[in-house]
Amino acid sequence: KVVERVREVIAEDTFDLIETMAEEIAKACIGFDRVMRAT
């Protein structure tokens, strides 16, 4: 489910910077139960 969500962020959103993309993916990851920290 985490991998599926990462792919959705990349496919559905648009970013100028990969830094912003990384932040949005991290937010999505810590939204999952049991994920306490995401790099």
PDB file of all heavy atoms in Angstrom:
ATOM      1  N   LYS A   1       0.826  -1.209   0.000  1.00  0.00           N
ATOM      2  CA  LYS A   1       0.000   0.000   0.000  1.00  0.00           C
ATOM      3  C   LYS A   1       0.860   1.258   0.000  1.00  0.00           C
ATOM      4  O   LYS A   1       0.511   2.256  -0.626  1.00  0.00           O
ATOM      5  CB  LYS A   1      -0.940  -0.014   1.201  1.00  0.00           C
ATOM      6  CG  LYS A   1      -2.001  -1.077   1.095  1.00  0.00           C
ATOM      7  CD  LYS A   1      -2.905  -1.092   2.301  1.00  0.00           C
ATOM      8  CE  LYS A   1      -3.943  -2.202   2.157  1.00  0.00           C
ATOM      9  NZ  LYS A   1      -4.795  -2.311   3.349  1.00  0.00           N
ATOM     10  N   VAL A   2       1.986   1.203   0.696  1.00  0.00           N
ATOM     11  CA  VAL A   2       2.892   2.353   0.723  1.00  0.00           C
ATOM     12  C   VAL A   2       3.427   2.624  -0.679  1.00  0.00           C
ATOM     13  O   VAL A   2       3.413   3.759  -1.155  1.00  0.00           O
ATOM     14  CB  VAL A   2       4.048   2.137   1.728  1.00  0.00           C
ATOM     15  CG1 VAL A   2       5.083   3.247   1.618  1.00  0.00           C
ATOM     16  CG2 VAL A   2       3.511   2.034   3.159  1.00  0.00           C
ATOM     17  N   VAL A   3       3.884   1.584  -1.356  1.00  0.00           N
ATOM     18  CA  VAL A   3       4.420   1.732  -2.716  1.00  0.00           C
ATOM     19  C   VAL A   3       3.342   2.266  -3.654  1.00  0.00           C
ATOM     20  O   VAL A   3       3.598   3.161  -4.474  1.00  0.00           O
ATOM     21  CB  VAL A   3       5.003   0.401  -3.234  1.00  0.00           C
ATOM     22  CG1 VAL A   3       5.299   0.462  -4.727  1.00  0.00           C
ATOM     23  CG2 VAL A   3       6.254   0.039  -2.453  1.00  0.00           C
ATOM     24  N   GLU A   4       2.144   1.760  -3.534  1.00  0.00           N
ATOM     25  CA  GLU A   4       1.033   2.237  -4.363  1.00  0.00           C
ATOM     26  C   GLU A   4       0.805   3.734  -4.147  1.00  0.00           C
ATOM     27  O   GLU A   4       0.625   4.493  -5.101  1.00  0.00           O
ATOM     28  CB  GLU A   4      -0.231   1.458  -4.012  1.00  0.00           C
ATOM     29  CG  GLU A   4      -1.448   1.838  -4.809  1.00  0.00           C
ATOM     30  CD  GLU A   4      -2.638   0.989  -4.409  1.00  0.00           C
ATOM     31  OE1 GLU A   4      -2.547  -0.247  -4.499  1.00  0.00           O
ATOM     32  OE2 GLU A   4      -3.664   1.578  -3.999  1.00  0.00           O
ATOM     33  N   ARG A   5       0.848   4.170  -2.907  1.00  0.00           N
ATOM     34  CA  ARG A   5       0.622   5.591  -2.590  1.00  0.00           C
ATOM     35  C   ARG A   5       1.749   6.460  -3.131  1.00  0.00           C
ATOM     36  O   ARG A   5       1.511   7.562  -3.646  1.00  0.00           O
ATOM     37  CB  ARG A   5       0.464   5.784  -1.077  1.00  0.00           C
ATOM     38  CG  ARG A   5       0.166   7.197  -0.681  1.00  0.00           C
ATOM     39  CD  ARG A   5      -1.217   7.649  -1.166  1.00  0.00           C
ATOM     40  NE  ARG A   5      -1.401   9.059  -0.876  1.00  0.00           N
ATOM     41  CZ  ARG A   5      -1.481  10.012  -1.796  1.00  0.00           C
ATOM     42  NH1 ARG A   5      -1.439   9.711  -3.085  1.00  0.00           N
ATOM     43  NH2 ARG A   5      -1.611  11.266  -1.441  1.00  0.00           N
ATOM     44  N   VAL A   6       2.995   5.999  -3.025  1.00  0.00           N
ATOM     45  CA  VAL A   6       4.133   6.742  -3.575  1.00  0.00           C
ATOM     46  C   VAL A   6       3.941   6.955  -5.068  1.00  0.00           C
ATOM     47  O   VAL A   6       4.111   8.066  -5.589  1.00  0.00           O
ATOM     48  CB  VAL A   6       5.458   6.001  -3.297  1.00  0.00           C
ATOM     49  CG1 VAL A   6       6.608   6.591  -4.111  1.00  0.00           C
ATOM     50  CG2 VAL A   6       5.784   6.013  -1.809  1.00  0.00           C
ATOM     51  N   ARG A   7       3.561   5.913  -5.764  1.00  0.00           N
ATOM     52  CA  ARG A   7       3.351   6.019  -7.215  1.00  0.00           C
ATOM     53  C   ARG A   7       2.206   6.974  -7.546  1.00  0.00           C
ATOM     54  O   ARG A   7       2.271   7.697  -8.541  1.00  0.00           O
ATOM     55  CB  ARG A   7       3.127   4.640  -7.811  1.00  0.00           C
ATOM     56  CG  ARG A   7       4.412   3.817  -7.825  1.00  0.00           C
ATOM     57  CD  ARG A   7       4.259   2.528  -8.575  1.00  0.00           C
ATOM     58  NE  ARG A   7       5.555   1.882  -8.728  1.00  0.00           N
ATOM     59  CZ  ARG A   7       5.777   0.598  -8.504  1.00  0.00           C
ATOM     60  NH1 ARG A   7       4.787  -0.199  -8.134  1.00  0.00           N
ATOM     61  NH2 ARG A   7       6.984   0.096  -8.663  1.00  0.00           N
ATOM     62  N   GLU A   8       1.168   6.985  -6.726  1.00  0.00           N
ATOM     63  CA  GLU A   8       0.064   7.923  -6.945  1.00  0.00           C
ATOM     64  C   GLU A   8       0.537   9.370  -6.826  1.00  0.00           C
ATOM     65  O   GLU A   8       0.149  10.218  -7.636  1.00  0.00           O
ATOM     66  CB  GLU A   8      -1.059   7.680  -5.929  1.00  0.00           C
ATOM     67  CG  GLU A   8      -1.863   6.437  -6.191  1.00  0.00           C
ATOM     68  CD  GLU A   8      -2.855   6.138  -5.073  1.00  0.00           C
ATOM     69  OE1 GLU A   8      -2.887   6.860  -4.047  1.00  0.00           O
ATOM     70  OE2 GLU A   8      -3.613   5.155  -5.223  1.00  0.00           O
ATOM     71  N   VAL A   9       1.345   9.673  -5.818  1.00  0.00           N
ATOM     72  CA  VAL A   9       1.850  11.042  -5.643  1.00  0.00           C
ATOM     73  C   VAL A   9       2.630  11.474  -6.879  1.00  0.00           C
ATOM     74  O   VAL A   9       2.437  12.575  -7.400  1.00  0.00           O
ATOM     75  CB  VAL A   9       2.721  11.163  -4.377  1.00  0.00           C
ATOM     76  CG1 VAL A   9       3.430  12.517  -4.319  1.00  0.00           C
ATOM     77  CG2 VAL A   9       1.876  10.960  -3.118  1.00  0.00           C
ATOM     78  N   ILE A  10       3.480  10.600  -7.381  1.00  0.00           N
ATOM     79  CA  ILE A  10       4.301  10.944  -8.546  1.00  0.00           C
ATOM     80  C   ILE A  10       3.436  11.115  -9.797  1.00  0.00           C
ATOM     81  O   ILE A  10       3.629  12.047 -10.575  1.00  0.00           O
ATOM     82  CB  ILE A  10       5.395   9.888  -8.786  1.00  0.00           C
ATOM     83  CG1 ILE A  10       6.373   9.862  -7.606  1.00  0.00           C
ATOM     84  CG2 ILE A  10       6.146  10.169 -10.095  1.00  0.00           C
ATOM     85  CD1 ILE A  10       7.320   8.688  -7.623  1.00  0.00           C
ATOM     86  N   ALA A  11       2.474  10.238  -9.984  1.00  0.00           N
ATOM     87  CA  ALA A  11       1.660  10.258 -11.206  1.00  0.00           C
ATOM     88  C   ALA A  11       0.591  11.342 -11.197  1.00  0.00           C
ATOM     89  O   ALA A  11       0.286  11.915 -12.240  1.00  0.00           O
ATOM     90  CB  ALA A  11       0.994   8.890 -11.403  1.00  0.00           C
ATOM     91  N   GLU A  12       0.023  11.644 -10.039  1.00  0.00           N
ATOM     92  CA  GLU A  12      -1.139  12.521  -9.996  1.00  0.00           C
ATOM     93  C   GLU A  12      -0.815  13.972  -9.670  1.00  0.00           C
ATOM     94  O   GLU A  12      -1.576  14.863 -10.023  1.00  0.00           O
ATOM     95  CB  GLU A  12      -2.153  11.978  -8.977  1.00  0.00           C
ATOM     96  CG  GLU A  12      -2.709  10.627  -9.394  1.00  0.00           C
ATOM     97  CD  GLU A  12      -3.574   9.984  -8.330  1.00  0.00           C
ATOM     98  OE1 GLU A  12      -3.844  10.608  -7.284  1.00  0.00           O
ATOM     99  OE2 GLU A  12      -3.981   8.826  -8.548  1.00  0.00           O
ATOM    100  N   ASP A  13       0.262  14.229  -8.968  1.00  0.00           N
ATOM    101  CA  ASP A  13       0.629  15.594  -8.589  1.00  0.00           C
ATOM    102  C   ASP A  13       1.674  16.134  -9.558  1.00  0.00           C
ATOM    103  O   ASP A  13       2.244  15.390 -10.359  1.00  0.00           O
ATOM    104  CB  ASP A  13       1.169  15.637  -7.154  1.00  0.00           C
ATOM    105  CG  ASP A  13       0.114  15.234  -6.131  1.00  0.00           C
ATOM    106  OD1 ASP A  13      -1.084  15.397  -6.407  1.00  0.00           O
ATOM    107  OD2 ASP A  13       0.504  14.755  -5.058  1.00  0.00           O
ATOM    108  N   THR A  14       1.929  17.433  -9.466  1.00  0.00           N
ATOM    109  CA  THR A  14       2.960  18.069 -10.279  1.00  0.00           C
ATOM    110  C   THR A  14       3.802  18.964  -9.375  1.00  0.00           C
ATOM    111  O   THR A  14       3.255  19.755  -8.615  1.00  0.00           O
ATOM    112  CB  THR A  14       2.330  18.920 -11.404  1.00  0.00           C
ATOM    113  OG1 THR A  14       1.524  18.070 -12.215  1.00  0.00           O
ATOM    114  CG2 THR A  14       3.400  19.551 -12.270  1.00  0.00           C
ATOM    115  N   PHE A  15       5.118  18.833  -9.489  1.00  0.00           N
ATOM    116  CA  PHE A  15       6.043  19.606  -8.660  1.00  0.00           C
ATOM    117  C   PHE A  15       7.117  20.230  -9.533  1.00  0.00           C
ATOM    118  O   PHE A  15       7.547  19.636 -10.526  1.00  0.00           O
ATOM    119  CB  PHE A  15       6.723  18.704  -7.625  1.00  0.00           C
ATOM    120  CG  PHE A  15       5.760  17.936  -6.764  1.00  0.00           C
ATOM    121  CD1 PHE A  15       5.490  16.609  -7.022  1.00  0.00           C
ATOM    122  CD2 PHE A  15       5.115  18.554  -5.709  1.00  0.00           C
ATOM    123  CE1 PHE A  15       4.597  15.894  -6.234  1.00  0.00           C
ATOM    124  CE2 PHE A  15       4.215  17.858  -4.914  1.00  0.00           C
ATOM    125  CZ  PHE A  15       3.956  16.520  -5.180  1.00  0.00           C
ATOM    126  N   ASP A  16       7.574  21.393  -9.142  1.00  0.00           N
ATOM    127  CA  ASP A  16       8.748  21.989  -9.774  1.00  0.00           C
ATOM    128  C   ASP A  16      10.016  21.332  -9.248  1.00  0.00           C
ATOM    129  O   ASP A  16      10.944  21.066 -10.003  1.00  0.00           O
ATOM    130  CB  ASP A  16       8.817  23.496  -9.510  1.00  0.00           C
ATOM    131  CG  ASP A  16       7.791  24.290 -10.322  1.00  0.00           C
ATOM    132  OD1 ASP A  16       7.169  23.728 -11.249  1.00  0.00           O
ATOM    133  OD2 ASP A  16       7.622  25.484 -10.023  1.00  0.00           O
ATOM    134  N   LEU A  17      10.046  21.086  -7.943  1.00  0.00           N
ATOM    135  CA  LEU A  17      11.261  20.611  -7.279  1.00  0.00           C
ATOM    136  C   LEU A  17      11.115  19.179  -6.769  1.00  0.00           C
ATOM    137  O   LEU A  17      10.069  18.830  -6.197  1.00  0.00           O
ATOM    138  CB  LEU A  17      11.599  21.512  -6.088  1.00  0.00           C
ATOM    139  CG  LEU A  17      11.760  22.996  -6.371  1.00  0.00           C
ATOM    140  CD1 LEU A  17      11.991  23.748  -5.066  1.00  0.00           C
ATOM    141  CD2 LEU A  17      12.900  23.234  -7.355  1.00  0.00           C
ATOM    142  N   ILE A  18      12.181  18.391  -6.909  1.00  0.00           N
ATOM    143  CA  ILE A  18      12.150  17.042  -6.336  1.00  0.00           C
ATOM    144  C   ILE A  18      12.181  17.113  -4.806  1.00  0.00           C
ATOM    145  O   ILE A  18      11.733  16.185  -4.144  1.00  0.00           O
ATOM    146  CB  ILE A  18      13.269  16.138  -6.892  1.00  0.00           C
ATOM    147  CG1 ILE A  18      14.658  16.724  -6.670  1.00  0.00           C
ATOM    148  CG2 ILE A  18      13.016  15.838  -8.361  1.00  0.00           C
ATOM    149  CD1 ILE A  18      15.796  15.792  -7.086  1.00  0.00           C
ATOM    150  N   GLU A  19      12.658  18.223  -4.260  1.00  0.00           N
ATOM    151  CA  GLU A  19      12.629  18.406  -2.813  1.00  0.00           C
ATOM    152  C   GLU A  19      11.186  18.438  -2.307  1.00  0.00           C
ATOM    153  O   GLU A  19      10.849  17.839  -1.278  1.00  0.00           O
ATOM    154  CB  GLU A  19      13.333  19.707  -2.412  1.00  0.00           C
ATOM    155  CG  GLU A  19      14.818  19.732  -2.688  1.00  0.00           C
ATOM    156  CD  GLU A  19      15.199  20.259  -4.077  1.00  0.00           C
ATOM    157  OE1 GLU A  19      14.417  20.081  -5.054  1.00  0.00           O
ATOM    158  OE2 GLU A  19      16.285  20.852  -4.197  1.00  0.00           O
ATOM    159  N   THR A  20      10.324  19.137  -3.041  1.00  0.00           N
ATOM    160  CA  THR A  20       8.910  19.213  -2.678  1.00  0.00           C
ATOM    161  C   THR A  20       8.240  17.864  -2.863  1.00  0.00           C
ATOM    162  O   THR A  20       7.419  17.440  -2.043  1.00  0.00           O
ATOM    163  CB  THR A  20       8.193  20.286  -3.520  1.00  0.00           C
ATOM    164  OG1 THR A  20       8.917  21.507  -3.429  1.00  0.00           O
ATOM    165  CG2 THR A  20       6.772  20.496  -3.052  1.00  0.00           C
ATOM    166  N   MET A  21       8.581  17.158  -3.933  1.00  0.00           N
ATOM    167  CA  MET A  21       8.036  15.826  -4.148  1.00  0.00           C
ATOM    168  C   MET A  21       8.410  14.905  -2.997  1.00  0.00           C
ATOM    169  O   MET A  21       7.560  14.163  -2.478  1.00  0.00           O
ATOM    170  CB  MET A  21       8.541  15.232  -5.472  1.00  0.00           C
ATOM    171  CG  MET A  21       7.948  13.853  -5.764  1.00  0.00           C
ATOM    172  SD  MET A  21       8.752  12.963  -7.116  1.00  0.00           S
ATOM    173  CE  MET A  21       8.510  14.061  -8.480  1.00  0.00           C
ATOM    174  N   ALA A  22       9.671  14.948  -2.574  1.00  0.00           N
ATOM    175  CA  ALA A  22      10.122  14.107  -1.464  1.00  0.00           C
ATOM    176  C   ALA A  22       9.334  14.416  -0.193  1.00  0.00           C
ATOM    177  O   ALA A  22       8.933  13.507   0.542  1.00  0.00           O
ATOM    178  CB  ALA A  22      11.620  14.297  -1.230  1.00  0.00           C
ATOM    179  N   GLU A  23       9.080  15.695   0.064  1.00  0.00           N
ATOM    180  CA  GLU A  23       8.319  16.079   1.249  1.00  0.00           C
ATOM    181  C   GLU A  23       6.881  15.553   1.182  1.00  0.00           C
ATOM    182  O   GLU A  23       6.348  15.037   2.175  1.00  0.00           O
ATOM    183  CB  GLU A  23       8.305  17.592   1.410  1.00  0.00           C
ATOM    184  CG  GLU A  23       7.546  18.046   2.637  1.00  0.00           C
ATOM    185  CD  GLU A  23       7.591  19.552   2.850  1.00  0.00           C
ATOM    186  OE1 GLU A  23       7.999  20.297   1.933  1.00  0.00           O
ATOM    187  OE2 GLU A  23       7.198  19.975   3.942  1.00  0.00           O
ATOM    188  N   GLU A  24       6.239  15.663   0.028  1.00  0.00           N
ATOM    189  CA  GLU A  24       4.864  15.185  -0.109  1.00  0.00           C
ATOM    190  C   GLU A  24       4.784  13.667   0.033  1.00  0.00           C
ATOM    191  O   GLU A  24       3.837  13.132   0.617  1.00  0.00           O
ATOM    192  CB  GLU A  24       4.260  15.646  -1.429  1.00  0.00           C
ATOM    193  CG  GLU A  24       3.985  17.131  -1.471  1.00  0.00           C
ATOM    194  CD  GLU A  24       3.078  17.605  -0.333  1.00  0.00           C
ATOM    195  OE1 GLU A  24       2.010  16.990  -0.122  1.00  0.00           O
ATOM    196  OE2 GLU A  24       3.440  18.587   0.340  1.00  0.00           O
ATOM    197  N   ILE A  25       5.773  12.973  -0.485  1.00  0.00           N
ATOM    198  CA  ILE A  25       5.803  11.519  -0.334  1.00  0.00           C
ATOM    199  C   ILE A  25       6.020  11.163   1.134  1.00  0.00           C
ATOM    200  O   ILE A  25       5.377  10.241   1.656  1.00  0.00           O
ATOM    201  CB  ILE A  25       6.880  10.895  -1.241  1.00  0.00           C
ATOM    202  CG1 ILE A  25       6.467  11.034  -2.714  1.00  0.00           C
ATOM    203  CG2 ILE A  25       7.114   9.421  -0.884  1.00  0.00           C
ATOM    204  CD1 ILE A  25       7.547  10.667  -3.700  1.00  0.00           C
ATOM    205  N   ALA A  26       6.891  11.891   1.824  1.00  0.00           N
ATOM    206  CA  ALA A  26       7.117  11.635   3.251  1.00  0.00           C
ATOM    207  C   ALA A  26       5.834  11.852   4.041  1.00  0.00           C
ATOM    208  O   ALA A  26       5.492  11.061   4.932  1.00  0.00           O
ATOM    209  CB  ALA A  26       8.240  12.520   3.780  1.00  0.00           C
ATOM    210  N   LYS A  27       5.095  12.914   3.729  1.00  0.00           N
ATOM    211  CA  LYS A  27       3.808  13.163   4.397  1.00  0.00           C
ATOM    212  C   LYS A  27       2.847  12.000   4.162  1.00  0.00           C
ATOM    213  O   LYS A  27       2.136  11.575   5.072  1.00  0.00           O
ATOM    214  CB  LYS A  27       3.187  14.468   3.893  1.00  0.00           C
ATOM    215  CG  LYS A  27       3.875  15.710   4.387  1.00  0.00           C
ATOM    216  CD  LYS A  27       3.212  16.945   3.776  1.00  0.00           C
ATOM    217  CE  LYS A  27       3.925  18.222   4.125  1.00  0.00           C
ATOM    218  NZ  LYS A  27       3.311  19.395   3.448  1.00  0.00           N
ATOM    219  N   ALA A  28       2.799  11.511   2.937  1.00  0.00           N
ATOM    220  CA  ALA A  28       1.924  10.386   2.623  1.00  0.00           C
ATOM    221  C   ALA A  28       2.332   9.146   3.411  1.00  0.00           C
ATOM    222  O   ALA A  28       1.477   8.411   3.920  1.00  0.00           O
ATOM    223  CB  ALA A  28       1.945  10.100   1.120  1.00  0.00           C
ATOM    224  N   CYS A  29       3.629   8.918   3.549  1.00  0.00           N
ATOM    225  CA  CYS A  29       4.120   7.730   4.262  1.00  0.00           C
ATOM    226  C   CYS A  29       3.778   7.776   5.744  1.00  0.00           C
ATOM    227  O   CYS A  29       3.344   6.771   6.313  1.00  0.00           O
ATOM    228  CB  CYS A  29       5.623   7.576   4.075  1.00  0.00           C
ATOM    229  SG  CYS A  29       6.100   7.069   2.412  1.00  0.00           S
ATOM    230  N   ILE A  30       3.981   8.934   6.374  1.00  0.00           N
ATOM    231  CA  ILE A  30       3.695   8.987   7.808  1.00  0.00           C
ATOM    232  C   ILE A  30       2.197   9.018   8.088  1.00  0.00           C
ATOM    233  O   ILE A  30       1.779   8.888   9.243  1.00  0.00           O
ATOM    234  CB  ILE A  30       4.437  10.146   8.528  1.00  0.00           C
ATOM    235  CG1 ILE A  30       4.038  11.506   7.987  1.00  0.00           C
ATOM    236  CG2 ILE A  30       5.943   9.936   8.470  1.00  0.00           C
ATOM    237  CD1 ILE A  30       4.613  12.665   8.775  1.00  0.00           C
ATOM    238  N   GLY A  31       1.406   9.111   7.049  1.00  0.00           N
ATOM    239  CA  GLY A  31      -0.033   9.000   7.194  1.00  0.00           C
ATOM    240  C   GLY A  31      -0.508   7.564   7.381  1.00  0.00           C
ATOM    241  O   GLY A  31      -1.655   7.321   7.757  1.00  0.00           O
ATOM    242  N   PHE A  32       0.364   6.598   7.139  1.00  0.00           N
ATOM    243  CA  PHE A  32       0.015   5.192   7.323  1.00  0.00           C
ATOM    244  C   PHE A  32       0.143   4.805   8.791  1.00  0.00           C
ATOM    245  O   PHE A  32       1.079   5.241   9.480  1.00  0.00           O
ATOM    246  CB  PHE A  32       0.928   4.287   6.486  1.00  0.00           C
ATOM    247  CG  PHE A  32       0.562   4.241   5.037  1.00  0.00           C
ATOM    248  CD1 PHE A  32       1.128   5.127   4.140  1.00  0.00           C
ATOM    249  CD2 PHE A  32      -0.352   3.313   4.566  1.00  0.00           C
ATOM    250  CE1 PHE A  32       0.793   5.099   2.802  1.00  0.00           C
ATOM    251  CE2 PHE A  32      -0.698   3.271   3.232  1.00  0.00           C
ATOM    252  CZ  PHE A  32      -0.124   4.166   2.339  1.00  0.00           C
ATOM    253  N   ASP A  33      -0.799   3.965   9.242  1.00  0.00           N
ATOM    254  CA  ASP A  33      -0.680   3.420  10.592  1.00  0.00           C
ATOM    255  C   ASP A  33       0.659   2.716  10.736  1.00  0.00           C
ATOM    256  O   ASP A  33       1.132   2.074   9.793  1.00  0.00           O
ATOM    257  CB  ASP A  33      -1.800   2.404  10.863  1.00  0.00           C
ATOM    258  CG  ASP A  33      -3.149   3.068  11.038  1.00  0.00           C
ATOM    259  OD1 ASP A  33      -3.185   4.278  11.332  1.00  0.00           O
ATOM    260  OD2 ASP A  33      -4.163   2.371  10.877  1.00  0.00           O
ATOM    261  N   ARG A  34       1.241   2.876  11.882  1.00  0.00           N
ATOM    262  CA  ARG A  34       2.495   2.227  12.278  1.00  0.00           C
ATOM    263  C   ARG A  34       3.749   2.865  11.713  1.00  0.00           C
ATOM    264  O   ARG A  34       4.844   2.512  12.090  1.00  0.00           O
ATOM    265  CB  ARG A  34       2.469   0.738  11.981  1.00  0.00           C
ATOM    266  CG  ARG A  34       1.328   0.013  12.695  1.00  0.00           C
ATOM    267  CD  ARG A  34       1.567  -1.471  12.710  1.00  0.00           C
ATOM    268  NE  ARG A  34       0.515  -2.159  13.393  1.00  0.00           N
ATOM    269  CZ  ARG A  34       0.510  -2.442  14.702  1.00  0.00           C
ATOM    270  NH1 ARG A  34       1.492  -2.060  15.451  1.00  0.00           N
ATOM    271  NH2 ARG A  34      -0.491  -3.101  15.243  1.00  0.00           N
ATOM    272  N   VAL A  35       3.639   3.807  10.771  1.00  0.00           N
ATOM    273  CA  VAL A  35       4.832   4.513  10.278  1.00  0.00           C
ATOM    274  C   VAL A  35       5.067   5.721  11.175  1.00  0.00           C
ATOM    275  O   VAL A  35       4.248   6.630  11.245  1.00  0.00           O
ATOM    276  CB  VAL A  35       4.682   4.949   8.809  1.00  0.00           C
ATOM    277  CG1 VAL A  35       5.904   5.758   8.351  1.00  0.00           C
ATOM    278  CG2 VAL A  35       4.488   3.732   7.901  1.00  0.00           C
ATOM    279  N   MET A  36       6.193   5.702  11.870  1.00  0.00           N
ATOM    280  CA  MET A  36       6.514   6.757  12.831  1.00  0.00           C
ATOM    281  C   MET A  36       7.413   7.836  12.241  1.00  0.00           C
ATOM    282  O   MET A  36       7.390   8.978  12.673  1.00  0.00           O
ATOM    283  CB  MET A  36       7.211   6.144  14.062  1.00  0.00           C
ATOM    284  CG  MET A  36       6.454   4.972  14.681  1.00  0.00           C
ATOM    285  SD  MET A  36       4.727   5.336  15.031  1.00  0.00           S
ATOM    286  CE  MET A  36       4.896   6.571  16.270  1.00  0.00           C
ATOM    287  N   ARG A  37       8.224   7.460  11.274  1.00  0.00           N
ATOM    288  CA  ARG A  37       9.184   8.384  10.673  1.00  0.00           C
ATOM    289  C   ARG A  37       9.470   7.892   9.259  1.00  0.00           C
ATOM    290  O   ARG A  37       9.522   6.694   9.009  1.00  0.00           O
ATOM    291  CB  ARG A  37      10.458   8.402  11.511  1.00  0.00           C
ATOM    292  CG  ARG A  37      11.488   9.419  11.084  1.00  0.00           C
ATOM    293  CD  ARG A  37      12.696   9.320  12.065  1.00  0.00           C
ATOM    294  NE  ARG A  37      13.576  10.413  11.906  1.00  0.00           N
ATOM    295  CZ  ARG A  37      13.492  11.575  12.565  1.00  0.00           C
ATOM    296  NH1 ARG A  37      12.564  11.759  13.457  1.00  0.00           N
ATOM    297  NH2 ARG A  37      14.367  12.532  12.353  1.00  0.00           N
ATOM    298  N   ALA A  38       9.648   8.831   8.350  1.00  0.00           N
ATOM    299  CA  ALA A  38       9.922   8.457   6.958  1.00  0.00           C
ATOM    300  C   ALA A  38      11.042   9.319   6.393  1.00  0.00           C
ATOM    301  O   ALA A  38      10.989  10.542   6.487  1.00  0.00           O
ATOM    302  CB  ALA A  38       8.660   8.631   6.113  1.00  0.00           C
ATOM    303  N   THR A  39      12.030   8.663   5.832  1.00  0.00           N
ATOM    304  CA  THR A  39      13.041   9.344   5.036  1.00  0.00           C
ATOM    305  C   THR A  39      12.818   8.927   3.593  1.00  0.00           C
ATOM    306  O   THR A  39      12.767   7.730   3.285  1.00  0.00           O
ATOM    307  CB  THR A  39      14.469   8.995   5.479  1.00  0.00           C
ATOM    308  OG1 THR A  39      14.648   9.436   6.828  1.00  0.00           O
ATOM    309  CG2 THR A  39      15.509   9.661   4.579  1.00  0.00           C
TER     310      THR A  39
END
